[in-house]
């Protein structure tokens, strides 16, 4: 399989024997910590204009501030009016920018990504919580370096549980998935939330190559729809949302794209589905 020129390094790491030997070292969290330390230093600011040009980032969309390091730039804050949430609280909006795919969870708490089987129990390392999402829906948002790397809550609610899981840090790009079950191997943390409109929801942030730090602002308490939940530092990362049976209906175009193995590009606040009640669309009058 061939990849674009900007993926040549990943192609070497994942598709050659020498690359996979080197990869064994690069995916360790200690390497990410060193890389993150360097990206926190003022000297890393020289990378900012290079990054802006490479990924064609419109800096007019972001708050006008002076960045003290590359990581400070990478976690830049967008102007709030550019990521509005729908007015109707029954509309499900994307919690982040990214490339989205939607998968059904089976009665055995299994879902499949590119013919790889994922067990929700392994994903969460918690059988009780995993069992609550049988026959539900799993949404996976893949973030790449050009995406906005802050993320939000999808509804009003309360945090009932929070967990961090140690792991390695493979890239979340498709190239890694032919070799590794990245969503159960990578470092990640997740929040169990009781929401007003969508019932119990789990939001998981997945670290990736050179992304050692996932910063969530809260590990308990209440939140409101659209509130910033946290941010990723440099690199591509991923967010996983789990919904229970009959709680949401995903947009037809997103479902169709997933069946065709295509990602749907979305932005934070973009409507991706709607609340359902007992398998039908929920209406305010009900």
C-alpha atoms as a PDB file:
ATOM      1  CA  UNK A   1       0.000   0.000   0.000  1.00  0.00           C
ATOM      2  CA  UNK A   2       1.376   3.424  -0.943  1.00  0.00           C
ATOM      3  CA  UNK A   3       0.933   6.628   1.047  1.00  0.00           C
ATOM      4  CA  UNK A   4       1.224  10.349   0.266  1.00  0.00           C
ATOM      5  CA  UNK A   5       4.641  11.951   0.633  1.00  0.00           C
ATOM      6  CA  UNK A   6       3.856  13.520   4.014  1.00  0.00           C
ATOM      7  CA  UNK A   7       3.175   9.994   5.317  1.00  0.00           C
ATOM      8  CA  UNK A   8       6.485   8.518   4.165  1.00  0.00           C
ATOM      9  CA  UNK A   9       7.859   8.458   7.713  1.00  0.00           C
ATOM     10  CA  UNK A  10       4.821   6.545   8.975  1.00  0.00           C
ATOM     11  CA  UNK A  11       5.027   4.224   5.985  1.00  0.00           C
ATOM     12  CA  UNK A  12       8.626   3.418   6.955  1.00  0.00           C
ATOM     13  CA  UNK A  13       7.790   2.924  10.646  1.00  0.00           C
ATOM     14  CA  UNK A  14       4.784   0.657  10.142  1.00  0.00           C
ATOM     15  CA  UNK A  15       5.546  -1.145   6.877  1.00  0.00           C
ATOM     16  CA  UNK A  16       9.220  -2.091   7.237  1.00  0.00           C
ATOM     17  CA  UNK A  17      10.974  -4.424   9.647  1.00  0.00           C
ATOM     18  CA  UNK A  18      13.574  -1.804  10.626  1.00  0.00           C
ATOM     19  CA  UNK A  19      10.845   0.780  11.088  1.00  0.00           C
ATOM     20  CA  UNK A  20       8.839  -1.441  13.438  1.00  0.00           C
ATOM     21  CA  UNK A  21      11.961  -2.075  15.524  1.00  0.00           C
ATOM     22  CA  UNK A  22      12.405   1.691  15.858  1.00  0.00           C
ATOM     23  CA  UNK A  23       8.674   2.096  16.453  1.00  0.00           C
ATOM     24  CA  UNK A  24       8.920  -0.118  19.528  1.00  0.00           C
ATOM     25  CA  UNK A  25      10.942   2.673  21.138  1.00  0.00           C
ATOM     26  CA  UNK A  26       9.060   5.663  19.734  1.00  0.00           C
ATOM     27  CA  UNK A  27       5.624   4.606  21.031  1.00  0.00           C
ATOM     28  CA  UNK A  28       6.773   4.513  24.652  1.00  0.00           C
ATOM     29  CA  UNK A  29       5.304   7.319  26.813  1.00  0.00           C
ATOM     30  CA  UNK A  30       8.800   8.310  27.990  1.00  0.00           C
ATOM     31  CA  UNK A  31       9.708   9.327  24.431  1.00  0.00           C
ATOM     32  CA  UNK A  32       6.525  11.370  24.232  1.00  0.00           C
ATOM     33  CA  UNK A  33       7.400  13.113  27.494  1.00  0.00           C
ATOM     34  CA  UNK A  34      10.793  14.145  26.147  1.00  0.00           C
ATOM     35  CA  UNK A  35       9.211  15.346  22.903  1.00  0.00           C
ATOM     36  CA  UNK A  36       6.559  17.229  24.858  1.00  0.00           C
ATOM     37  CA  UNK A  37       9.210  18.870  27.025  1.00  0.00           C
ATOM     38  CA  UNK A  38      10.971  20.173  23.925  1.00  0.00           C
ATOM     39  CA  UNK A  39       7.717  21.472  22.458  1.00  0.00           C
ATOM     40  CA  UNK A  40       7.125  23.396  25.709  1.00  0.00           C
ATOM     41  CA  UNK A  41      10.411  25.312  25.381  1.00  0.00           C
ATOM     42  CA  UNK A  42      10.404  28.862  23.934  1.00  0.00           C
ATOM     43  CA  UNK A  43      12.918  27.772  21.279  1.00  0.00           C
ATOM     44  CA  UNK A  44      10.186  25.588  19.716  1.00  0.00           C
ATOM     45  CA  UNK A  45       8.365  28.735  18.542  1.00  0.00           C
ATOM     46  CA  UNK A  46      10.366  28.662  15.291  1.00  0.00           C
ATOM     47  CA  UNK A  47       8.158  25.722  14.245  1.00  0.00           C
ATOM     48  CA  UNK A  48       4.941  27.779  14.372  1.00  0.00           C
ATOM     49  CA  UNK A  49       5.180  29.582  10.982  1.00  0.00           C
ATOM     50  CA  UNK A  50       6.375  26.354   9.342  1.00  0.00           C
ATOM     51  CA  UNK A  51       3.354  24.476  10.726  1.00  0.00           C
ATOM     52  CA  UNK A  52       0.912  27.250   9.743  1.00  0.00           C
ATOM     53  CA  UNK A  53       2.176  27.212   6.155  1.00  0.00           C
ATOM     54  CA  UNK A  54       2.353  23.418   5.849  1.00  0.00           C
ATOM     55  CA  UNK A  55      -1.224  22.879   7.029  1.00  0.00           C
ATOM     56  CA  UNK A  56      -2.664  26.108   5.586  1.00  0.00           C
ATOM     57  CA  UNK A  57      -4.073  27.246   8.938  1.00  0.00           C
ATOM     58  CA  UNK A  58      -6.114  30.447   8.937  1.00  0.00           C
ATOM     59  CA  UNK A  59      -4.851  32.212  12.062  1.00  0.00           C
ATOM     60  CA  UNK A  60      -7.642  34.818  11.787  1.00  0.00           C
ATOM     61  CA  UNK A  61      -9.969  32.131  13.186  1.00  0.00           C
ATOM     62  CA  UNK A  62      -8.057  32.003  16.475  1.00  0.00           C
ATOM     63  CA  UNK A  63      -7.685  34.366  19.394  1.00  0.00           C
ATOM     64  CA  UNK A  64      -4.945  36.906  18.834  1.00  0.00           C
ATOM     65  CA  UNK A  65      -2.350  36.060  21.482  1.00  0.00           C
ATOM     66  CA  UNK A  66       1.423  35.684  21.668  1.00  0.00           C
ATOM     67  CA  UNK A  67       2.463  32.041  21.913  1.00  0.00           C
ATOM     68  CA  UNK A  68       5.311  31.168  24.263  1.00  0.00           C
ATOM     69  CA  UNK A  69       6.021  27.729  22.744  1.00  0.00           C
ATOM     70  CA  UNK A  70       4.894  25.393  19.983  1.00  0.00           C
ATOM     71  CA  UNK A  71       2.608  23.488  22.343  1.00  0.00           C
ATOM     72  CA  UNK A  72       1.072  26.780  23.425  1.00  0.00           C
ATOM     73  CA  UNK A  73       0.320  27.442  19.752  1.00  0.00           C
ATOM     74  CA  UNK A  74      -0.880  23.893  19.085  1.00  0.00           C
ATOM     75  CA  UNK A  75      -3.521  24.154  21.830  1.00  0.00           C
ATOM     76  CA  UNK A  76      -4.561  27.601  20.549  1.00  0.00           C
ATOM     77  CA  UNK A  77      -8.145  28.614  21.251  1.00  0.00           C
ATOM     78  CA  UNK A  78     -10.524  29.236  18.372  1.00  0.00           C
ATOM     79  CA  UNK A  79     -13.024  32.090  18.392  1.00  0.00           C
ATOM     80  CA  UNK A  80     -16.117  30.678  20.081  1.00  0.00           C
ATOM     81  CA  UNK A  81     -18.541  31.940  17.426  1.00  0.00           C
ATOM     82  CA  UNK A  82     -16.807  29.717  14.853  1.00  0.00           C
ATOM     83  CA  UNK A  83     -17.798  26.498  16.665  1.00  0.00           C
ATOM     84  CA  UNK A  84     -21.460  27.044  17.640  1.00  0.00           C
ATOM     85  CA  UNK A  85     -23.603  24.161  18.891  1.00  0.00           C
ATOM     86  CA  UNK A  86     -27.131  23.577  17.498  1.00  0.00           C
ATOM     87  CA  UNK A  87     -29.953  25.391  19.265  1.00  0.00           C
ATOM     88  CA  UNK A  88     -32.065  22.236  19.608  1.00  0.00           C
ATOM     89  CA  UNK A  89     -30.822  20.244  22.646  1.00  0.00           C
ATOM     90  CA  UNK A  90     -32.043  17.013  21.030  1.00  0.00           C
ATOM     91  CA  UNK A  91     -29.458  17.445  18.262  1.00  0.00           C
ATOM     92  CA  UNK A  92     -26.219  15.561  18.820  1.00  0.00           C
ATOM     93  CA  UNK A  93     -23.188  17.671  17.916  1.00  0.00           C
ATOM     94  CA  UNK A  94     -19.581  16.643  17.360  1.00  0.00           C
ATOM     95  CA  UNK A  95     -17.414  17.272  20.451  1.00  0.00           C
ATOM     96  CA  UNK A  96     -14.360  18.081  18.320  1.00  0.00           C
ATOM     97  CA  UNK A  97     -12.966  18.653  14.865  1.00  0.00           C
ATOM     98  CA  UNK A  98     -11.955  15.437  13.128  1.00  0.00           C
ATOM     99  CA  UNK A  99     -12.752  12.615  10.759  1.00  0.00           C
ATOM    100  CA  UNK A 100     -15.729  10.601  11.982  1.00  0.00           C
ATOM    101  CA  UNK A 101     -16.867   6.996  11.602  1.00  0.00           C
ATOM    102  CA  UNK A 102     -19.820   5.352  13.378  1.00  0.00           C
ATOM    103  CA  UNK A 103     -19.977   1.682  14.377  1.00  0.00           C
ATOM    104  CA  UNK A 104     -22.740  -0.456  15.910  1.00  0.00           C
ATOM    105  CA  UNK A 105     -21.879  -2.277  19.130  1.00  0.00           C
ATOM    106  CA  UNK A 106     -23.120  -5.874  19.141  1.00  0.00           C
ATOM    107  CA  UNK A 107     -24.980  -7.716  21.901  1.00  0.00           C
ATOM    108  CA  UNK A 108     -21.558  -9.137  22.862  1.00  0.00           C
ATOM    109  CA  UNK A 109     -20.119  -5.605  23.310  1.00  0.00           C
ATOM    110  CA  UNK A 110     -18.041  -5.926  20.129  1.00  0.00           C
ATOM    111  CA  UNK A 111     -17.511  -3.460  17.287  1.00  0.00           C
ATOM    112  CA  UNK A 112     -15.363  -3.742  14.167  1.00  0.00           C
ATOM    113  CA  UNK A 113     -12.946  -1.241  12.639  1.00  0.00           C
ATOM    114  CA  UNK A 114     -11.413  -2.214   9.293  1.00  0.00           C
ATOM    115  CA  UNK A 115     -12.143  -5.889  10.029  1.00  0.00           C
ATOM    116  CA  UNK A 116     -10.418  -5.673  13.424  1.00  0.00           C
ATOM    117  CA  UNK A 117     -12.542  -6.736  16.381  1.00  0.00           C
ATOM    118  CA  UNK A 118     -12.718  -4.423  19.385  1.00  0.00           C
ATOM    119  CA  UNK A 119     -14.185  -5.455  22.721  1.00  0.00           C
ATOM    120  CA  UNK A 120     -15.705  -2.611  24.755  1.00  0.00           C
ATOM    121  CA  UNK A 121     -14.546  -4.405  27.906  1.00  0.00           C
ATOM    122  CA  UNK A 122     -10.932  -4.241  26.680  1.00  0.00           C
ATOM    123  CA  UNK A 123     -11.405  -0.650  25.592  1.00  0.00           C
ATOM    124  CA  UNK A 124     -12.652   0.452  29.018  1.00  0.00           C
ATOM    125  CA  UNK A 125     -10.991  -2.241  31.152  1.00  0.00           C
ATOM    126  CA  UNK A 126     -14.304  -2.379  33.002  1.00  0.00           C
ATOM    127  CA  UNK A 127     -16.859  -5.170  32.425  1.00  0.00           C
ATOM    128  CA  UNK A 128     -19.702  -3.421  34.248  1.00  0.00           C
ATOM    129  CA  UNK A 129     -19.555  -0.223  32.213  1.00  0.00           C
ATOM    130  CA  UNK A 130     -18.937  -2.182  29.006  1.00  0.00           C
ATOM    131  CA  UNK A 131     -22.099  -4.215  29.542  1.00  0.00           C
ATOM    132  CA  UNK A 132     -24.198  -1.052  29.656  1.00  0.00           C
ATOM    133  CA  UNK A 133     -23.401  -0.268  26.024  1.00  0.00           C
ATOM    134  CA  UNK A 134     -24.481  -3.518  24.369  1.00  0.00           C
ATOM    135  CA  UNK A 135     -26.329  -2.831  21.091  1.00  0.00           C
ATOM    136  CA  UNK A 136     -25.321   0.811  21.339  1.00  0.00           C
ATOM    137  CA  UNK A 137     -23.228   3.007  19.060  1.00  0.00           C
ATOM    138  CA  UNK A 138     -19.505   3.784  18.996  1.00  0.00           C
ATOM    139  CA  UNK A 139     -18.354   7.018  17.349  1.00  0.00           C
ATOM    140  CA  UNK A 140     -14.665   7.481  16.567  1.00  0.00           C
ATOM    141  CA  UNK A 141     -13.240  10.894  15.740  1.00  0.00           C
ATOM    142  CA  UNK A 142      -9.707  10.859  14.316  1.00  0.00           C
ATOM    143  CA  UNK A 143      -7.839  14.119  14.742  1.00  0.00           C
ATOM    144  CA  UNK A 144      -4.866  15.049  12.573  1.00  0.00           C
ATOM    145  CA  UNK A 145      -2.337  17.854  13.199  1.00  0.00           C
ATOM    146  CA  UNK A 146      -4.299  20.405  11.159  1.00  0.00           C
ATOM    147  CA  UNK A 147      -7.441  19.938  13.299  1.00  0.00           C
ATOM    148  CA  UNK A 148      -8.483  22.087  16.242  1.00  0.00           C
ATOM    149  CA  UNK A 149      -7.259  20.135  19.272  1.00  0.00           C
ATOM    150  CA  UNK A 150      -9.637  21.276  22.000  1.00  0.00           C
ATOM    151  CA  UNK A 151     -12.823  19.320  22.641  1.00  0.00           C
ATOM    152  CA  UNK A 152     -16.163  19.853  24.384  1.00  0.00           C
ATOM    153  CA  UNK A 153     -19.068  18.129  26.130  1.00  0.00           C
ATOM    154  CA  UNK A 154     -21.981  17.081  23.893  1.00  0.00           C
ATOM    155  CA  UNK A 155     -24.720  17.743  26.469  1.00  0.00           C
ATOM    156  CA  UNK A 156     -25.514  19.028  29.957  1.00  0.00           C
ATOM    157  CA  UNK A 157     -24.786  16.465  32.616  1.00  0.00           C
ATOM    158  CA  UNK A 158     -22.693  15.134  35.454  1.00  0.00           C
ATOM    159  CA  UNK A 159     -19.471  13.125  35.592  1.00  0.00           C
ATOM    160  CA  UNK A 160     -19.984   9.869  37.488  1.00  0.00           C
ATOM    161  CA  UNK A 161     -16.623   8.174  36.860  1.00  0.00           C
ATOM    162  CA  UNK A 162     -13.212   8.961  35.377  1.00  0.00           C
ATOM    163  CA  UNK A 163     -10.338   6.614  34.540  1.00  0.00           C
ATOM    164  CA  UNK A 164      -6.835   6.836  33.072  1.00  0.00           C
ATOM    165  CA  UNK A 165      -5.331   3.819  31.316  1.00  0.00           C
ATOM    166  CA  UNK A 166      -1.605   3.547  30.684  1.00  0.00           C
ATOM    167  CA  UNK A 167      -0.479   2.297  27.320  1.00  0.00           C
ATOM    168  CA  UNK A 168       1.705   3.055  24.328  1.00  0.00           C
ATOM    169  CA  UNK A 169       1.302   5.821  21.737  1.00  0.00           C
ATOM    170  CA  UNK A 170       0.760   4.583  18.182  1.00  0.00           C
ATOM    171  CA  UNK A 171      -0.449   6.988  15.543  1.00  0.00           C
ATOM    172  CA  UNK A 172      -4.239   6.902  15.078  1.00  0.00           C
ATOM    173  CA  UNK A 173      -3.869   7.127  11.291  1.00  0.00           C
ATOM    174  CA  UNK A 174      -5.226   4.127   9.350  1.00  0.00           C
ATOM    175  CA  UNK A 175      -1.715   2.882   8.543  1.00  0.00           C
ATOM    176  CA  UNK A 176      -1.234   1.668  12.134  1.00  0.00           C
ATOM    177  CA  UNK A 177      -4.482  -0.302  12.281  1.00  0.00           C
ATOM    178  CA  UNK A 178      -3.282  -3.069   9.978  1.00  0.00           C
ATOM    179  CA  UNK A 179      -0.725  -4.003  12.654  1.00  0.00           C
ATOM    180  CA  UNK A 180      -2.105  -2.897  16.018  1.00  0.00           C
ATOM    181  CA  UNK A 181      -5.444  -2.612  17.865  1.00  0.00           C
ATOM    182  CA  UNK A 182      -4.600   0.978  18.710  1.00  0.00           C
ATOM    183  CA  UNK A 183      -7.746   1.845  20.669  1.00  0.00           C
ATOM    184  CA  UNK A 184      -7.055  -0.819  23.276  1.00  0.00           C
ATOM    185  CA  UNK A 185      -3.254  -0.440  23.248  1.00  0.00           C
ATOM    186  CA  UNK A 186      -2.812   3.336  23.339  1.00  0.00           C
ATOM    187  CA  UNK A 187      -2.737   5.496  26.455  1.00  0.00           C
ATOM    188  CA  UNK A 188      -6.201   6.873  27.044  1.00  0.00           C
ATOM    189  CA  UNK A 189      -8.617   8.237  29.615  1.00  0.00           C
ATOM    190  CA  UNK A 190     -12.361   8.269  29.699  1.00  0.00           C
ATOM    191  CA  UNK A 191     -15.247   9.938  31.468  1.00  0.00           C
ATOM    192  CA  UNK A 192     -18.590   8.298  32.242  1.00  0.00           C
ATOM    193  CA  UNK A 193     -21.295  10.959  32.041  1.00  0.00           C
ATOM    194  CA  UNK A 194     -24.973  10.994  32.903  1.00  0.00           C
ATOM    195  CA  UNK A 195     -26.427  13.444  30.392  1.00  0.00           C
ATOM    196  CA  UNK A 196     -29.788  15.168  30.182  1.00  0.00           C
ATOM    197  CA  UNK A 197     -30.664  14.317  26.582  1.00  0.00           C
ATOM    198  CA  UNK A 198     -28.621  11.233  25.644  1.00  0.00           C
ATOM    199  CA  UNK A 199     -28.572   9.190  28.833  1.00  0.00           C
ATOM    200  CA  UNK A 200     -25.333   7.565  29.931  1.00  0.00           C
ATOM    201  CA  UNK A 201     -22.441   8.473  27.608  1.00  0.00           C
ATOM    202  CA  UNK A 202     -18.744   7.642  27.724  1.00  0.00           C
ATOM    203  CA  UNK A 203     -16.246  10.025  26.166  1.00  0.00           C
ATOM    204  CA  UNK A 204     -12.725   8.695  25.754  1.00  0.00           C
ATOM    205  CA  UNK A 205      -9.632  10.618  24.703  1.00  0.00           C
ATOM    206  CA  UNK A 206      -6.971   8.472  23.029  1.00  0.00           C
ATOM    207  CA  UNK A 207      -3.329   9.524  22.929  1.00  0.00           C
ATOM    208  CA  UNK A 208      -1.245   9.007  19.812  1.00  0.00           C
ATOM    209  CA  UNK A 209       2.316   9.148  18.529  1.00  0.00           C
ATOM    210  CA  UNK A 210       4.121  11.940  20.429  1.00  0.00           C
ATOM    211  CA  UNK A 211       0.874  12.890  22.245  1.00  0.00           C
ATOM    212  CA  UNK A 212       1.777  12.167  25.848  1.00  0.00           C
ATOM    213  CA  UNK A 213      -0.506  14.680  27.469  1.00  0.00           C
ATOM    214  CA  UNK A 214      -4.276  14.639  27.430  1.00  0.00           C
ATOM    215  CA  UNK A 215      -5.560  17.505  29.560  1.00  0.00           C
ATOM    216  CA  UNK A 216      -9.098  17.195  30.919  1.00  0.00           C
ATOM    217  CA  UNK A 217     -10.290  20.098  33.042  1.00  0.00           C
ATOM    218  CA  UNK A 218     -12.667  18.054  35.225  1.00  0.00           C
ATOM    219  CA  UNK A 219     -12.715  14.543  36.649  1.00  0.00           C
ATOM    220  CA  UNK A 220     -15.944  15.105  38.584  1.00  0.00           C
ATOM    221  CA  UNK A 221     -18.884  17.490  38.923  1.00  0.00           C
ATOM    222  CA  UNK A 222     -21.362  18.962  36.450  1.00  0.00           C
ATOM    223  CA  UNK A 223     -20.911  20.466  32.999  1.00  0.00           C
ATOM    224  CA  UNK A 224     -22.902  22.160  30.262  1.00  0.00           C
ATOM    225  CA  UNK A 225     -23.233  21.413  26.568  1.00  0.00           C
ATOM    226  CA  UNK A 226     -20.453  23.085  24.626  1.00  0.00           C
ATOM    227  CA  UNK A 227     -18.226  23.607  27.670  1.00  0.00           C
ATOM    228  CA  UNK A 228     -14.602  22.869  26.920  1.00  0.00           C
ATOM    229  CA  UNK A 229     -13.752  19.421  28.291  1.00  0.00           C
ATOM    230  CA  UNK A 230     -10.048  19.489  27.549  1.00  0.00           C
ATOM    231  CA  UNK A 231      -7.284  19.490  24.925  1.00  0.00           C
ATOM    232  CA  UNK A 232      -4.601  17.386  23.232  1.00  0.00           C
ATOM    233  CA  UNK A 233      -1.028  18.522  22.774  1.00  0.00           C
ATOM    234  CA  UNK A 234       0.984  18.060  19.570  1.00  0.00           C
ATOM    235  CA  UNK A 235       0.127  15.237  17.186  1.00  0.00           C
ATOM    236  CA  UNK A 236      -2.850  13.359  15.859  1.00  0.00           C
ATOM    237  CA  UNK A 237      -5.202  11.979  18.472  1.00  0.00           C
ATOM    238  CA  UNK A 238      -8.618  10.387  18.778  1.00  0.00           C
ATOM    239  CA  UNK A 239     -11.905  10.695  20.644  1.00  0.00           C
ATOM    240  CA  UNK A 240     -14.322   7.808  21.167  1.00  0.00           C
ATOM    241  CA  UNK A 241     -17.964   8.322  22.177  1.00  0.00           C
ATOM    242  CA  UNK A 242     -20.117   5.433  23.383  1.00  0.00           C
ATOM    243  CA  UNK A 243     -23.910   5.668  23.491  1.00  0.00           C
ATOM    244  CA  UNK A 244     -26.411   3.167  24.862  1.00  0.00           C
ATOM    245  CA  UNK A 245     -29.021   1.282  22.874  1.00  0.00           C
ATOM    246  CA  UNK A 246     -31.735   3.438  21.267  1.00  0.00           C
ATOM    247  CA  UNK A 247     -30.351   6.670  22.700  1.00  0.00           C
ATOM    248  CA  UNK A 248     -29.273   8.328  19.430  1.00  0.00           C
ATOM    249  CA  UNK A 249     -29.832   8.155  15.680  1.00  0.00           C
ATOM    250  CA  UNK A 250     -26.754   8.926  13.584  1.00  0.00           C
ATOM    251  CA  UNK A 251     -26.983  11.039  10.431  1.00  0.00           C
ATOM    252  CA  UNK A 252     -27.598   8.815   7.385  1.00  0.00           C
ATOM    253  CA  UNK A 253     -24.663  10.240   5.423  1.00  0.00           C
ATOM    254  CA  UNK A 254     -22.252   9.416   8.243  1.00  0.00           C
ATOM    255  CA  UNK A 255     -23.598   5.880   8.551  1.00  0.00           C
ATOM    256  CA  UNK A 256     -23.413   5.343   4.795  1.00  0.00           C
ATOM    257  CA  UNK A 257     -19.858   6.681   4.617  1.00  0.00           C
ATOM    258  CA  UNK A 258     -18.793   4.338   7.411  1.00  0.00           C
ATOM    259  CA  UNK A 259     -20.293   1.340   5.605  1.00  0.00           C
ATOM    260  CA  UNK A 260     -18.185   2.358   2.587  1.00  0.00           C
ATOM    261  CA  UNK A 261     -15.114   2.659   4.827  1.00  0.00           C
ATOM    262  CA  UNK A 262     -15.056   6.442   4.381  1.00  0.00           C
ATOM    263  CA  UNK A 263     -14.531   9.052   7.058  1.00  0.00           C
ATOM    264  CA  UNK A 264     -16.784  12.102   7.364  1.00  0.00           C
ATOM    265  CA  UNK A 265     -14.989  15.342   8.150  1.00  0.00           C
ATOM    266  CA  UNK A 266     -16.763  17.270  10.914  1.00  0.00           C
ATOM    267  CA  UNK A 267     -16.127  20.278  13.117  1.00  0.00           C
ATOM    268  CA  UNK A 268     -16.948  20.805  16.771  1.00  0.00           C
ATOM    269  CA  UNK A 269     -20.635  21.705  17.030  1.00  0.00           C
ATOM    270  CA  UNK A 270     -21.542  20.087  13.687  1.00  0.00           C
ATOM    271  CA  UNK A 271     -24.798  18.124  13.918  1.00  0.00           C
ATOM    272  CA  UNK A 272     -24.047  14.402  13.543  1.00  0.00           C
ATOM    273  CA  UNK A 273     -27.302  12.877  14.820  1.00  0.00           C
ATOM    274  CA  UNK A 274     -30.230  13.345  17.145  1.00  0.00           C
ATOM    275  CA  UNK A 275     -31.767  12.026  20.314  1.00  0.00           C
ATOM    276  CA  UNK A 276     -34.097   9.050  20.049  1.00  0.00           C
ATOM    277  CA  UNK A 277     -36.540   7.653  22.552  1.00  0.00           C
ATOM    278  CA  UNK A 278     -37.432   3.948  22.354  1.00  0.00           C
ATOM    279  CA  UNK A 279     -36.093   3.821  18.815  1.00  0.00           C
ATOM    280  CA  UNK A 280     -37.943   6.875  17.463  1.00  0.00           C
ATOM    281  CA  UNK A 281     -37.077  10.541  17.143  1.00  0.00           C
ATOM    282  CA  UNK A 282     -37.543  12.424  20.378  1.00  0.00           C
ATOM    283  CA  UNK A 283     -39.840  15.443  20.234  1.00  0.00           C
ATOM    284  CA  UNK A 284     -40.066  18.253  22.817  1.00  0.00           C
ATOM    285  CA  UNK A 285     -43.805  17.618  23.240  1.00  0.00           C
ATOM    286  CA  UNK A 286     -43.266  14.019  24.389  1.00  0.00           C
END
